Every structure is written in C-alpha cells, then in structure tokens.
Amino acid sequence: QVHLVESGGGLVQAGGSLRLSCAASVSRSIFSMNTMGWYRQAPGKQREWVATVNSGGSTNYADSVKGRFTISRDNDKSTVYLQMNNLKPEDTAVYYCKDNAFGSWGQGTQVTVSS
C-alpha cells in the first residue's frame, strides 16, 4: 500500500489557475513504474476520472478538461501534478490522486471555482 497526500487546492475565480500536487510514500524506482491518475468528485455526483500519466509519460484526459489541464510527474520526487488553467465553476470538486498499481487513493483536496 502507498500513502498519497494531495495539496494545492483552494478558492479561485473563474478563469484562474491552480496547481495540485500528490506526493507518494514510495521510492523513486517504484513510483516511476506506476500509472498515476487524478479524479474528482463534485457534491452529489459520482467520482469521475480527470487524467492519467503512465510510466512512460504518456497522458490522457477527460474531454471536459482537455486543453485546460495538464498532468505531469516528477519521479525523483515521487510526485504527480495537475496544472489546471482557465478554471470553470463546474470544475468545483474534491480532487483525488490514485496510484493505479496499488489501488491507493489520497485524502483529497478541495477546489472551488467562483463565477
């Protein structure tokens, strides 16, 4: 099991930016092999997938965030990031990171976008 800690959430106006971080409690060698993902859950809605980055650095995005969000990883720091630009009120949610290899989730970080 890997322990994940998200940070970087907050309150931002529409059109603004935030950068989320997710630090994993595993060594660089293990972290670098794992596909990492970001998910989000808005009030009253199911958790949904946002983006993933695999061990080779290839990325995939949900259509709703494509062109606005960028997922990246720093294997030396065992950390995955989510750069969120041009935020919209509908992006308001708790954002979670997930290590697909271990099936571990972080505790989540709140992102609130005001109109």
PDB file of N, CA and C in Angstrom:
ATOM      1  N   GLN A   1       0.851  -1.185   0.000  1.00  0.00           N
ATOM      2  CA  GLN A   1       0.000   0.000   0.000  1.00  0.00           C
ATOM      3  C   GLN A   1       0.894   1.244   0.000  1.00  0.00           C
ATOM      4  N   VAL A   2       0.476   2.246  -0.757  1.00  0.00           N
ATOM      5  CA  VAL A   2       1.214   3.502  -0.817  1.00  0.00           C
ATOM      6  C   VAL A   2       0.336   4.604  -0.244  1.00  0.00           C
ATOM      7  N   HIS A   3       0.967   5.500   0.495  1.00  0.00           N
ATOM      8  CA  HIS A   3       0.255   6.629   1.088  1.00  0.00           C
ATOM      9  C   HIS A   3       0.410   7.831   0.167  1.00  0.00           C
ATOM     10  N   LEU A   4      -0.733   8.447  -0.192  1.00  0.00           N
ATOM     11  CA  LEU A   4      -0.739   9.590  -1.107  1.00  0.00           C
ATOM     12  C   LEU A   4      -1.267  10.818  -0.383  1.00  0.00           C
ATOM     13  N   VAL A   5      -0.608  11.946  -0.578  1.00  0.00           N
ATOM     14  CA  VAL A   5      -1.024  13.190   0.059  1.00  0.00           C
ATOM     15  C   VAL A   5      -1.150  14.279  -0.997  1.00  0.00           C
ATOM     16  N   GLU A   6      -2.397  14.751  -1.199  1.00  0.00           N
ATOM     17  CA  GLU A   6      -2.653  15.834  -2.150  1.00  0.00           C
ATOM     18  C   GLU A   6      -2.535  17.183  -1.469  1.00  0.00           C
ATOM     19  N   SER A   7      -2.196  18.192  -2.260  1.00  0.00           N
ATOM     20  CA  SER A   7      -2.154  19.571  -1.774  1.00  0.00           C
ATOM     21  C   SER A   7      -2.339  20.502  -2.954  1.00  0.00           C
ATOM     22  N   GLY A   8      -2.585  21.777  -2.635  1.00  0.00           N
ATOM     23  CA  GLY A   8      -2.664  22.782  -3.679  1.00  0.00           C
ATOM     24  C   GLY A   8      -4.060  23.268  -4.010  1.00  0.00           C
ATOM     25  N   GLY A   9      -5.069  22.672  -3.395  1.00  0.00           N
ATOM     26  CA  GLY A   9      -6.425  23.129  -3.665  1.00  0.00           C
ATOM     27  C   GLY A   9      -6.685  24.494  -3.060  1.00  0.00           C
ATOM     28  N   GLY A  10      -7.849  25.049  -3.387  1.00  0.00           N
ATOM     29  CA  GLY A  10      -8.211  26.348  -2.836  1.00  0.00           C
ATOM     30  C   GLY A  10      -9.378  26.957  -3.560  1.00  0.00           C
ATOM     31  N   LEU A  11      -9.582  28.246  -3.300  1.00  0.00           N
ATOM     32  CA  LEU A  11     -10.663  29.013  -3.911  1.00  0.00           C
ATOM     33  C   LEU A  11     -10.062  29.922  -4.970  1.00  0.00           C
ATOM     34  N   VAL A  12     -10.632  29.885  -6.160  1.00  0.00           N
ATOM     35  CA  VAL A  12     -10.130  30.692  -7.264  1.00  0.00           C
ATOM     36  C   VAL A  12     -11.301  31.197  -8.098  1.00  0.00           C
ATOM     37  N   GLN A  13     -11.124  32.338  -8.724  1.00  0.00           N
ATOM     38  CA  GLN A  13     -12.165  32.852  -9.605  1.00  0.00           C
ATOM     39  C   GLN A  13     -12.128  32.144 -10.953  1.00  0.00           C
ATOM     40  N   ALA A  14     -13.251  32.134 -11.623  1.00  0.00           N
ATOM     41  CA  ALA A  14     -13.319  31.553 -12.955  1.00  0.00           C
ATOM     42  C   ALA A  14     -12.268  32.200 -13.857  1.00  0.00           C
ATOM     43  N   GLY A  15     -11.608  31.346 -14.650  1.00  0.00           N
ATOM     44  CA  GLY A  15     -10.522  31.811 -15.495  1.00  0.00           C
ATOM     45  C   GLY A  15      -9.154  31.719 -14.849  1.00  0.00           C
ATOM     46  N   GLY A  16      -9.129  31.442 -13.559  1.00  0.00           N
ATOM     47  CA  GLY A  16      -7.878  31.356 -12.829  1.00  0.00           C
ATOM     48  C   GLY A  16      -7.220  29.995 -12.959  1.00  0.00           C
ATOM     49  N   SER A  17      -6.114  29.831 -12.230  1.00  0.00           N
ATOM     50  CA  SER A  17      -5.320  28.605 -12.303  1.00  0.00           C
ATOM     51  C   SER A  17      -4.978  28.097 -10.907  1.00  0.00           C
ATOM     52  N   LEU A  18      -4.797  26.792 -10.835  1.00  0.00           N
ATOM     53  CA  LEU A  18      -4.296  26.147  -9.628  1.00  0.00           C
ATOM     54  C   LEU A  18      -3.394  25.000 -10.051  1.00  0.00           C
ATOM     55  N   ARG A  19      -2.456  24.657  -9.183  1.00  0.00           N
ATOM     56  CA  ARG A  19      -1.603  23.503  -9.417  1.00  0.00           C
ATOM     57  C   ARG A  19      -1.708  22.563  -8.224  1.00  0.00           C
ATOM     58  N   LEU A  20      -2.211  21.364  -8.495  1.00  0.00           N
ATOM     59  CA  LEU A  20      -2.325  20.354  -7.454  1.00  0.00           C
ATOM     60  C   LEU A  20      -1.093  19.462  -7.453  1.00  0.00           C
ATOM     61  N   SER A  21      -0.724  19.003  -6.269  1.00  0.00           N
ATOM     62  CA  SER A  21       0.389  18.074  -6.123  1.00  0.00           C
ATOM     63  C   SER A  21      -0.075  16.839  -5.365  1.00  0.00           C
ATOM     64  N   CYS A  22       0.548  15.718  -5.656  1.00  0.00           N
ATOM     65  CA  CYS A  22       0.248  14.476  -4.953  1.00  0.00           C
ATOM     66  C   CYS A  22       1.574  13.758  -4.710  1.00  0.00           C
ATOM     67  N   ALA A  23       1.964  13.688  -3.449  1.00  0.00           N
ATOM     68  CA  ALA A  23       3.224  13.048  -3.080  1.00  0.00           C
ATOM     69  C   ALA A  23       2.966  11.621  -2.627  1.00  0.00           C
ATOM     70  N   ALA A  24       3.749  10.693  -3.145  1.00  0.00           N
ATOM     71  CA  ALA A  24       3.587   9.268  -2.824  1.00  0.00           C
ATOM     72  C   ALA A  24       4.703   8.802  -1.890  1.00  0.00           C
ATOM     73  N   SER A  25       4.336   7.940  -0.959  1.00  0.00           N
ATOM     74  CA  SER A  25       5.296   7.448   0.036  1.00  0.00           C
ATOM     75  C   SER A  25       5.997   6.181  -0.422  1.00  0.00           C
ATOM     76  N   VAL A  26       6.505   6.222  -1.644  1.00  0.00           N
ATOM     77  CA  VAL A  26       7.252   5.087  -2.173  1.00  0.00           C
ATOM     78  C   VAL A  26       8.528   5.599  -2.817  1.00  0.00           C
ATOM     79  N   SER A  27       9.451   4.707  -3.033  1.00  0.00           N
ATOM     80  CA  SER A  27      10.724   5.108  -3.619  1.00  0.00           C
ATOM     81  C   SER A  27      10.546   5.512  -5.068  1.00  0.00           C
ATOM     82  N   ARG A  28      11.524   6.227  -5.559  1.00  0.00           N
ATOM     83  CA  ARG A  28      11.516   6.664  -6.944  1.00  0.00           C
ATOM     84  C   ARG A  28      11.386   5.472  -7.892  1.00  0.00           C
ATOM     85  N   SER A  29      12.093   4.415  -7.611  1.00  0.00           N
ATOM     86  CA  SER A  29      12.102   3.261  -8.519  1.00  0.00           C
ATOM     87  C   SER A  29      10.726   2.616  -8.637  1.00  0.00           C
ATOM     88  N   ILE A  30       9.997   2.573  -7.528  1.00  0.00           N
ATOM     89  CA  ILE A  30       8.653   2.008  -7.569  1.00  0.00           C
ATOM     90  C   ILE A  30       7.683   2.996  -8.201  1.00  0.00           C
ATOM     91  N   PHE A  31       7.742   4.258  -7.744  1.00  0.00           N
ATOM     92  CA  PHE A  31       6.827   5.282  -8.254  1.00  0.00           C
ATOM     93  C   PHE A  31       6.916   5.408  -9.771  1.00  0.00           C
ATOM     94  N   SER A  32       8.127   5.360 -10.285  1.00  0.00           N
ATOM     95  CA  SER A  32       8.323   5.606 -11.721  1.00  0.00           C
ATOM     96  C   SER A  32       7.656   4.549 -12.596  1.00  0.00           C
ATOM     97  N   MET A  33       7.354   3.404 -12.028  1.00  0.00           N
ATOM     98  CA  MET A  33       6.761   2.318 -12.817  1.00  0.00           C
ATOM     99  C   MET A  33       5.237   2.374 -12.820  1.00  0.00           C
ATOM    100  N   ASN A  34       4.657   3.210 -11.961  1.00  0.00           N
ATOM    101  CA  ASN A  34       3.208   3.181 -11.763  1.00  0.00           C
ATOM    102  C   ASN A  34       2.476   4.256 -12.555  1.00  0.00           C
ATOM    103  N   THR A  35       1.344   3.861 -13.100  1.00  0.00           N
ATOM    104  CA  THR A  35       0.441   4.839 -13.698  1.00  0.00           C
ATOM    105  C   THR A  35      -0.276   5.588 -12.579  1.00  0.00           C
ATOM    106  N   MET A  36      -0.277   6.904 -12.691  1.00  0.00           N
ATOM    107  CA  MET A  36      -0.907   7.764 -11.690  1.00  0.00           C
ATOM    108  C   MET A  36      -2.079   8.514 -12.326  1.00  0.00           C
ATOM    109  N   GLY A  37      -3.123   8.726 -11.533  1.00  0.00           N
ATOM    110  CA  GLY A  37      -4.288   9.398 -12.063  1.00  0.00           C
ATOM    111  C   GLY A  37      -4.846  10.441 -11.118  1.00  0.00           C
ATOM    112  N   TRP A  38      -5.578  11.382 -11.690  1.00  0.00           N
ATOM    113  CA  TRP A  38      -6.356  12.362 -10.931  1.00  0.00           C
ATOM    114  C   TRP A  38      -7.837  12.115 -11.205  1.00  0.00           C
ATOM    115  N   TYR A  39      -8.632  12.213 -10.165  1.00  0.00           N
ATOM    116  CA  TYR A  39     -10.078  12.063 -10.234  1.00  0.00           C
ATOM    117  C   TYR A  39     -10.697  13.211  -9.447  1.00  0.00           C
ATOM    118  N   ARG A  40     -11.994  13.413  -9.642  1.00  0.00           N
ATOM    119  CA  ARG A  40     -12.676  14.447  -8.869  1.00  0.00           C
ATOM    120  C   ARG A  40     -14.101  14.033  -8.566  1.00  0.00           C
ATOM    121  N   GLN A  41     -14.629  14.591  -7.491  1.00  0.00           N
ATOM    122  CA  GLN A  41     -15.991  14.300  -7.087  1.00  0.00           C
ATOM    123  C   GLN A  41     -16.669  15.589  -6.657  1.00  0.00           C
ATOM    124  N   ALA A  42     -17.674  15.977  -7.422  1.00  0.00           N
ATOM    125  CA  ALA A  42     -18.458  17.164  -7.105  1.00  0.00           C
ATOM    126  C   ALA A  42     -19.586  16.773  -6.159  1.00  0.00           C
ATOM    127  N   PRO A  43     -20.123  17.739  -5.409  1.00  0.00           N
ATOM    128  CA  PRO A  43     -21.214  17.430  -4.466  1.00  0.00           C
ATOM    129  C   PRO A  43     -22.384  16.765  -5.161  1.00  0.00           C
ATOM    130  N   GLY A  44     -22.832  15.654  -4.621  1.00  0.00           N
ATOM    131  CA  GLY A  44     -23.986  14.962  -5.160  1.00  0.00           C
ATOM    132  C   GLY A  44     -23.729  14.166  -6.423  1.00  0.00           C
ATOM    133  N   LYS A  45     -22.463  14.079  -6.827  1.00  0.00           N
ATOM    134  CA  LYS A  45     -22.125  13.360  -8.059  1.00  0.00           C
ATOM    135  C   LYS A  45     -21.125  12.242  -7.767  1.00  0.00           C
ATOM    136  N   GLN A  46     -21.028  11.318  -8.717  1.00  0.00           N
ATOM    137  CA  GLN A  46     -20.059  10.239  -8.581  1.00  0.00           C
ATOM    138  C   GLN A  46     -18.649  10.741  -8.894  1.00  0.00           C
ATOM    139  N   ARG A  47     -17.677  10.041  -8.327  1.00  0.00           N
ATOM    140  CA  ARG A  47     -16.303  10.370  -8.631  1.00  0.00           C
ATOM    141  C   ARG A  47     -16.033  10.090 -10.106  1.00  0.00           C
ATOM    142  N   GLU A  48     -15.320  11.014 -10.773  1.00  0.00           N
ATOM    143  CA  GLU A  48     -15.042  10.848 -12.186  1.00  0.00           C
ATOM    144  C   GLU A  48     -13.556  10.991 -12.461  1.00  0.00           C
ATOM    145  N   TRP A  49     -13.128  10.313 -13.492  1.00  0.00           N
ATOM    146  CA  TRP A  49     -11.736  10.353 -13.912  1.00  0.00           C
ATOM    147  C   TRP A  49     -11.441  11.687 -14.594  1.00  0.00           C
ATOM    148  N   VAL A  50     -10.248  12.235 -14.325  1.00  0.00           N
ATOM    149  CA  VAL A  50      -9.834  13.502 -14.919  1.00  0.00           C
ATOM    150  C   VAL A  50      -8.673  13.304 -15.887  1.00  0.00           C
ATOM    151  N   ALA A  51      -7.604  12.626 -15.403  1.00  0.00           N
ATOM    152  CA  ALA A  51      -6.407  12.481 -16.235  1.00  0.00           C
ATOM    153  C   ALA A  51      -5.527  11.376 -15.678  1.00  0.00           C
ATOM    154  N   THR A  52      -4.710  10.789 -16.542  1.00  0.00           N
ATOM    155  CA  THR A  52      -3.713   9.814 -16.109  1.00  0.00           C
ATOM    156  C   THR A  52      -2.391  10.063 -16.833  1.00  0.00           C
ATOM    157  N   VAL A  53      -1.316   9.637 -16.177  1.00  0.00           N
ATOM    158  CA  VAL A  53       0.014   9.645 -16.789  1.00  0.00           C
ATOM    159  C   VAL A  53       0.661   8.298 -16.490  1.00  0.00           C
ATOM    160  N   ASN A  54       1.162   7.639 -17.536  1.00  0.00           N
ATOM    161  CA  ASN A  54       1.749   6.319 -17.304  1.00  0.00           C
ATOM    162  C   ASN A  54       3.251   6.418 -17.048  1.00  0.00           C
ATOM    163  N   SER A  55       3.884   5.272 -16.913  1.00  0.00           N
ATOM    164  CA  SER A  55       5.302   5.239 -16.563  1.00  0.00           C
ATOM    165  C   SER A  55       6.179   5.862 -17.644  1.00  0.00           C
ATOM    166  N   GLY A  56       5.685   5.829 -18.866  1.00  0.00           N
ATOM    167  CA  GLY A  56       6.454   6.410 -19.959  1.00  0.00           C
ATOM    168  C   GLY A  56       6.203   7.885 -20.179  1.00  0.00           C
ATOM    169  N   GLY A  57       5.281   8.432 -19.384  1.00  0.00           N
ATOM    170  CA  GLY A  57       4.960   9.853 -19.513  1.00  0.00           C
ATOM    171  C   GLY A  57       3.809  10.164 -20.441  1.00  0.00           C
ATOM    172  N   SER A  58       3.193   9.142 -21.007  1.00  0.00           N
ATOM    173  CA  SER A  58       2.032   9.375 -21.865  1.00  0.00           C
ATOM    174  C   SER A  58       0.840   9.774 -21.021  1.00  0.00           C
ATOM    175  N   THR A  59       0.057  10.700 -21.558  1.00  0.00           N
ATOM    176  CA  THR A  59      -1.060  11.260 -20.791  1.00  0.00           C
ATOM    177  C   THR A  59      -2.385  11.071 -21.516  1.00  0.00           C
ATOM    178  N   ASN A  60      -3.452  11.044 -20.725  1.00  0.00           N
ATOM    179  CA  ASN A  60      -4.812  11.013 -21.254  1.00  0.00           C
ATOM    180  C   ASN A  60      -5.684  11.910 -20.398  1.00  0.00           C
ATOM    181  N   TYR A  61      -6.695  12.512 -21.036  1.00  0.00           N
ATOM    182  CA  TYR A  61      -7.546  13.471 -20.341  1.00  0.00           C
ATOM    183  C   TYR A  61      -9.016  13.230 -20.652  1.00  0.00           C
ATOM    184  N   ALA A  62      -9.844  13.535 -19.683  1.00  0.00           N
ATOM    185  CA  ALA A  62     -11.277  13.573 -19.929  1.00  0.00           C
ATOM    186  C   ALA A  62     -11.565  14.729 -20.874  1.00  0.00           C
ATOM    187  N   ASP A  63     -12.587  14.563 -21.699  1.00  0.00           N
ATOM    188  CA  ASP A  63     -12.919  15.605 -22.674  1.00  0.00           C
ATOM    189  C   ASP A  63     -13.216  16.945 -21.991  1.00  0.00           C
ATOM    190  N   SER A  64     -13.771  16.882 -20.797  1.00  0.00           N
ATOM    191  CA  SER A  64     -14.177  18.103 -20.108  1.00  0.00           C
ATOM    192  C   SER A  64     -12.994  18.978 -19.679  1.00  0.00           C
ATOM    193  N   VAL A  65     -11.796  18.403 -19.605  1.00  0.00           N
ATOM    194  CA  VAL A  65     -10.636  19.171 -19.149  1.00  0.00           C
ATOM    195  C   VAL A  65      -9.548  19.273 -20.213  1.00  0.00           C
ATOM    196  N   LYS A  66      -9.727  18.591 -21.325  1.00  0.00           N
ATOM    197  CA  LYS A  66      -8.703  18.570 -22.368  1.00  0.00           C
ATOM    198  C   LYS A  66      -8.425  19.992 -22.858  1.00  0.00           C
ATOM    199  N   GLY A  67      -7.152  20.323 -22.947  1.00  0.00           N
ATOM    200  CA  GLY A  67      -6.761  21.655 -23.389  1.00  0.00           C
ATOM    201  C   GLY A  67      -6.653  22.670 -22.262  1.00  0.00           C
ATOM    202  N   ARG A  68      -7.158  22.319 -21.071  1.00  0.00           N
ATOM    203  CA  ARG A  68      -7.092  23.241 -19.925  1.00  0.00           C
ATOM    204  C   ARG A  68      -6.219  22.679 -18.792  1.00  0.00           C
ATOM    205  N   PHE A  69      -6.245  21.364 -18.613  1.00  0.00           N
ATOM    206  CA  PHE A  69      -5.494  20.726 -17.527  1.00  0.00           C
ATOM    207  C   PHE A  69      -4.289  19.977 -18.100  1.00  0.00           C
ATOM    208  N   THR A  70      -3.207  19.917 -17.315  1.00  0.00           N
ATOM    209  CA  THR A  70      -2.015  19.177 -17.701  1.00  0.00           C
ATOM    210  C   THR A  70      -1.541  18.334 -16.524  1.00  0.00           C
ATOM    211  N   ILE A  71      -1.436  17.024 -16.749  1.00  0.00           N
ATOM    212  CA  ILE A  71      -0.912  16.122 -15.727  1.00  0.00           C
ATOM    213  C   ILE A  71       0.568  15.880 -16.036  1.00  0.00           C
ATOM    214  N   SER A  72       1.373  15.838 -14.987  1.00  0.00           N
ATOM    215  CA  SER A  72       2.798  15.569 -15.165  1.00  0.00           C
ATOM    216  C   SER A  72       3.320  14.843 -13.924  1.00  0.00           C
ATOM    217  N   ARG A  73       4.534  14.340 -14.024  1.00  0.00           N
ATOM    218  CA  ARG A  73       5.106  13.622 -12.891  1.00  0.00           C
ATOM    219  C   ARG A  73       6.583  13.962 -12.745  1.00  0.00           C
ATOM    220  N   ASP A  74       7.041  13.929 -11.507  1.00  0.00           N
ATOM    221  CA  ASP A  74       8.456  14.085 -11.199  1.00  0.00           C
ATOM    222  C   ASP A  74       8.860  12.836 -10.416  1.00  0.00           C
ATOM    223  N   ASN A  75       9.473  11.896 -11.109  1.00  0.00           N
ATOM    224  CA  ASN A  75       9.789  10.622 -10.463  1.00  0.00           C
ATOM    225  C   ASN A  75      10.828  10.780  -9.350  1.00  0.00           C
ATOM    226  N   ASP A  76      11.709  11.761  -9.490  1.00  0.00           N
ATOM    227  CA  ASP A  76      12.714  11.982  -8.447  1.00  0.00           C
ATOM    228  C   ASP A  76      12.078  12.396  -7.127  1.00  0.00           C
ATOM    229  N   LYS A  77      10.901  13.016  -7.215  1.00  0.00           N
ATOM    230  CA  LYS A  77      10.193  13.453  -6.012  1.00  0.00           C
ATOM    231  C   LYS A  77       9.004  12.553  -5.690  1.00  0.00           C
ATOM    232  N   SER A  78       8.802  11.509  -6.476  1.00  0.00           N
ATOM    233  CA  SER A  78       7.637  10.613  -6.309  1.00  0.00           C
ATOM    234  C   SER A  78       6.355  11.433  -6.203  1.00  0.00           C
ATOM    235  N   THR A  79       6.200  12.364  -7.122  1.00  0.00           N
ATOM    236  CA  THR A  79       5.083  13.304  -7.078  1.00  0.00           C
ATOM    237  C   THR A  79       4.444  13.439  -8.449  1.00  0.00           C
ATOM    238  N   VAL A  80       3.124  13.530  -8.449  1.00  0.00           N
ATOM    239  CA  VAL A  80       2.377  13.799  -9.673  1.00  0.00           C
ATOM    240  C   VAL A  80       1.656  15.133  -9.496  1.00  0.00           C
ATOM    241  N   TYR A  81       1.541  15.872 -10.585  1.00  0.00           N
ATOM    242  CA  TYR A  81       0.946  17.207 -10.552  1.00  0.00           C
ATOM    243  C   TYR A  81      -0.261  17.283 -11.487  1.00  0.00           C
ATOM    244  N   LEU A  82      -1.123  18.252 -11.200  1.00  0.00           N
ATOM    245  CA  LEU A  82      -2.214  18.583 -12.107  1.00  0.00           C
ATOM    246  C   LEU A  82      -2.271  20.104 -12.207  1.00  0.00           C
ATOM    247  N   GLN A  83      -1.823  20.627 -13.330  1.00  0.00           N
ATOM    248  CA  GLN A  83      -1.904  22.065 -13.596  1.00  0.00           C
ATOM    249  C   GLN A  83      -3.262  22.338 -14.219  1.00  0.00           C
ATOM    250  N   MET A  84      -4.027  23.204 -13.582  1.00  0.00           N
ATOM    251  CA  MET A  84      -5.382  23.492 -14.029  1.00  0.00           C
ATOM    252  C   MET A  84      -5.466  24.958 -14.412  1.00  0.00           C
ATOM    253  N   ASN A  85      -5.729  25.218 -15.682  1.00  0.00           N
ATOM    254  CA  ASN A  85      -5.851  26.585 -16.194  1.00  0.00           C
ATOM    255  C   ASN A  85      -7.270  26.841 -16.674  1.00  0.00           C
ATOM    256  N   ASN A  86      -7.608  28.111 -16.800  1.00  0.00           N
ATOM    257  CA  ASN A  86      -8.932  28.511 -17.294  1.00  0.00           C
ATOM    258  C   ASN A  86     -10.032  27.756 -16.546  1.00  0.00           C
ATOM    259  N   LEU A  87      -9.948  27.779 -15.241  1.00  0.00           N
ATOM    260  CA  LEU A  87     -10.902  27.037 -14.421  1.00  0.00           C
ATOM    261  C   LEU A  87     -12.313  27.582 -14.561  1.00  0.00           C
ATOM    262  N   LYS A  88     -13.266  26.662 -14.476  1.00  0.00           N
ATOM    263  CA  LYS A  88     -14.673  26.991 -14.599  1.00  0.00           C
ATOM    264  C   LYS A  88     -15.409  26.583 -13.321  1.00  0.00           C
ATOM    265  N   PRO A  89     -16.548  27.204 -13.040  1.00  0.00           N
ATOM    266  CA  PRO A  89     -17.301  26.810 -11.840  1.00  0.00           C
ATOM    267  C   PRO A  89     -17.613  25.312 -11.801  1.00  0.00           C
ATOM    268  N   GLU A  90     -17.820  24.703 -12.956  1.00  0.00           N
ATOM    269  CA  GLU A  90     -18.126  23.267 -12.997  1.00  0.00           C
ATOM    270  C   GLU A  90     -16.914  22.390 -12.665  1.00  0.00           C
ATOM    271  N   ASP A  91     -15.745  22.987 -12.508  1.00  0.00           N
ATOM    272  CA  ASP A  91     -14.567  22.241 -12.057  1.00  0.00           C
ATOM    273  C   ASP A  91     -14.537  22.108 -10.528  1.00  0.00           C
ATOM    274  N   THR A  92     -15.459  22.768  -9.856  1.00  0.00           N
ATOM    275  CA  THR A  92     -15.515  22.691  -8.398  1.00  0.00           C
ATOM    276  C   THR A  92     -15.753  21.250  -7.951  1.00  0.00           C
ATOM    277  N   ALA A  93     -14.863  20.741  -7.103  1.00  0.00           N
ATOM    278  CA  ALA A  93     -14.932  19.347  -6.663  1.00  0.00           C
ATOM    279  C   ALA A  93     -13.804  19.085  -5.668  1.00  0.00           C
ATOM    280  N   VAL A  94     -13.871  17.927  -5.044  1.00  0.00           N
ATOM    281  CA  VAL A  94     -12.721  17.415  -4.309  1.00  0.00           C
ATOM    282  C   VAL A  94     -11.901  16.592  -5.296  1.00  0.00           C
ATOM    283  N   TYR A  95     -10.621  16.895  -5.385  1.00  0.00           N
ATOM    284  CA  TYR A  95      -9.737  16.227  -6.328  1.00  0.00           C
ATOM    285  C   TYR A  95      -8.875  15.196  -5.585  1.00  0.00           C
ATOM    286  N   TYR A  96      -8.833  13.997  -6.164  1.00  0.00           N
ATOM    287  CA  TYR A  96      -8.096  12.890  -5.562  1.00  0.00           C
ATOM    288  C   TYR A  96      -7.051  12.377  -6.548  1.00  0.00           C
ATOM    289  N   CYS A  97      -5.923  11.946  -6.029  1.00  0.00           N
ATOM    290  CA  CYS A  97      -4.983  11.226  -6.876  1.00  0.00           C
ATOM    291  C   CYS A  97      -5.038   9.742  -6.518  1.00  0.00           C
ATOM    292  N   LYS A  98      -4.647   8.939  -7.490  1.00  0.00           N
ATOM    293  CA  LYS A  98      -4.702   7.487  -7.329  1.00  0.00           C
ATOM    294  C   LYS A  98      -3.470   6.847  -7.935  1.00  0.00           C
ATOM    295  N   ASP A  99      -2.920   5.889  -7.218  1.00  0.00           N
ATOM    296  CA  ASP A  99      -1.852   5.055  -7.743  1.00  0.00           C
ATOM    297  C   ASP A  99      -2.512   3.792  -8.284  1.00  0.00           C
ATOM    298  N   ASN A 100      -2.538   3.645  -9.598  1.00  0.00           N
ATOM    299  CA  ASN A 100      -3.282   2.541 -10.206  1.00  0.00           C
ATOM    300  C   ASN A 100      -2.688   1.175  -9.855  1.00  0.00           C
ATOM    301  N   ALA A 101      -1.379   1.123  -9.640  1.00  0.00           N
ATOM    302  CA  ALA A 101      -0.745  -0.161  -9.353  1.00  0.00           C
ATOM    303  C   ALA A 101      -1.164  -0.700  -7.985  1.00  0.00           C
ATOM    304  N   PHE A 102      -1.232   0.197  -6.996  1.00  0.00           N
ATOM    305  CA  PHE A 102      -1.598  -0.215  -5.639  1.00  0.00           C
ATOM    306  C   PHE A 102      -3.080  -0.041  -5.360  1.00  0.00           C
ATOM    307  N   GLY A 103      -3.752   0.716  -6.205  1.00  0.00           N
ATOM    308  CA  GLY A 103      -5.162   0.996  -5.945  1.00  0.00           C
ATOM    309  C   GLY A 103      -5.381   1.934  -4.777  1.00  0.00           C
ATOM    310  N   SER A 104      -4.355   2.726  -4.442  1.00  0.00           N
ATOM    311  CA  SER A 104      -4.432   3.623  -3.297  1.00  0.00           C
ATOM    312  C   SER A 104      -4.945   4.994  -3.705  1.00  0.00           C
ATOM    313  N   TRP A 105      -5.712   5.611  -2.798  1.00  0.00           N
ATOM    314  CA  TRP A 105      -6.256   6.959  -3.003  1.00  0.00           C
ATOM    315  C   TRP A 105      -5.696   7.899  -1.953  1.00  0.00           C
ATOM    316  N   GLY A 106      -5.565   9.167  -2.322  1.00  0.00           N
ATOM    317  CA  GLY A 106      -5.248  10.187  -1.353  1.00  0.00           C
ATOM    318  C   GLY A 106      -6.501  10.631  -0.631  1.00  0.00           C
ATOM    319  N   GLN A 107      -6.331  11.597   0.284  1.00  0.00           N
ATOM    320  CA  GLN A 107      -7.472  12.065   1.087  1.00  0.00           C
ATOM    321  C   GLN A 107      -8.286  13.130   0.368  1.00  0.00           C
ATOM    322  N   GLY A 108      -7.750  13.663  -0.710  1.00  0.00           N
ATOM    323  CA  GLY A 108      -8.465  14.662  -1.496  1.00  0.00           C
ATOM    324  C   GLY A 108      -8.107  16.089  -1.106  1.00  0.00           C
ATOM    325  N   THR A 109      -8.257  16.986  -2.071  1.00  0.00           N
ATOM    326  CA  THR A 109      -8.055  18.420  -1.834  1.00  0.00           C
ATOM    327  C   THR A 109      -9.181  19.179  -2.532  1.00  0.00           C
ATOM    328  N   GLN A 110      -9.758  20.126  -1.830  1.00  0.00           N
ATOM    329  CA  GLN A 110     -10.929  20.847  -2.339  1.00  0.00           C
ATOM    330  C   GLN A 110     -10.512  21.943  -3.313  1.00  0.00           C
ATOM    331  N   VAL A 111     -11.182  21.973  -4.450  1.00  0.00           N
ATOM    332  CA  VAL A 111     -11.032  23.049  -5.428  1.00  0.00           C
ATOM    333  C   VAL A 111     -12.394  23.698  -5.609  1.00  0.00           C
ATOM    334  N   THR A 112     -12.455  24.999  -5.387  1.00  0.00           N
ATOM    335  CA  THR A 112     -13.691  25.745  -5.541  1.00  0.00           C
ATOM    336  C   THR A 112     -13.452  26.889  -6.506  1.00  0.00           C
ATOM    337  N   VAL A 113     -14.273  26.938  -7.555  1.00  0.00           N
ATOM    338  CA  VAL A 113     -14.151  27.976  -8.580  1.00  0.00           C
ATOM    339  C   VAL A 113     -15.402  28.843  -8.525  1.00  0.00           C
ATOM    340  N   SER A 114     -15.207  30.117  -8.241  1.00  0.00           N
ATOM    341  CA  SER A 114     -16.333  31.039  -8.147  1.00  0.00           C
ATOM    342  C   SER A 114     -16.564  31.723  -9.496  1.00  0.00           C
ATOM    343  N   SER A 115     -17.822  32.023  -9.754  1.00  0.00           N
ATOM    344  CA  SER A 115     -18.170  32.655 -11.044  1.00  0.00           C
ATOM    345  C   SER A 115     -18.094  34.165 -10.961  1.00  0.00           C
TER     346      SER A 115
END
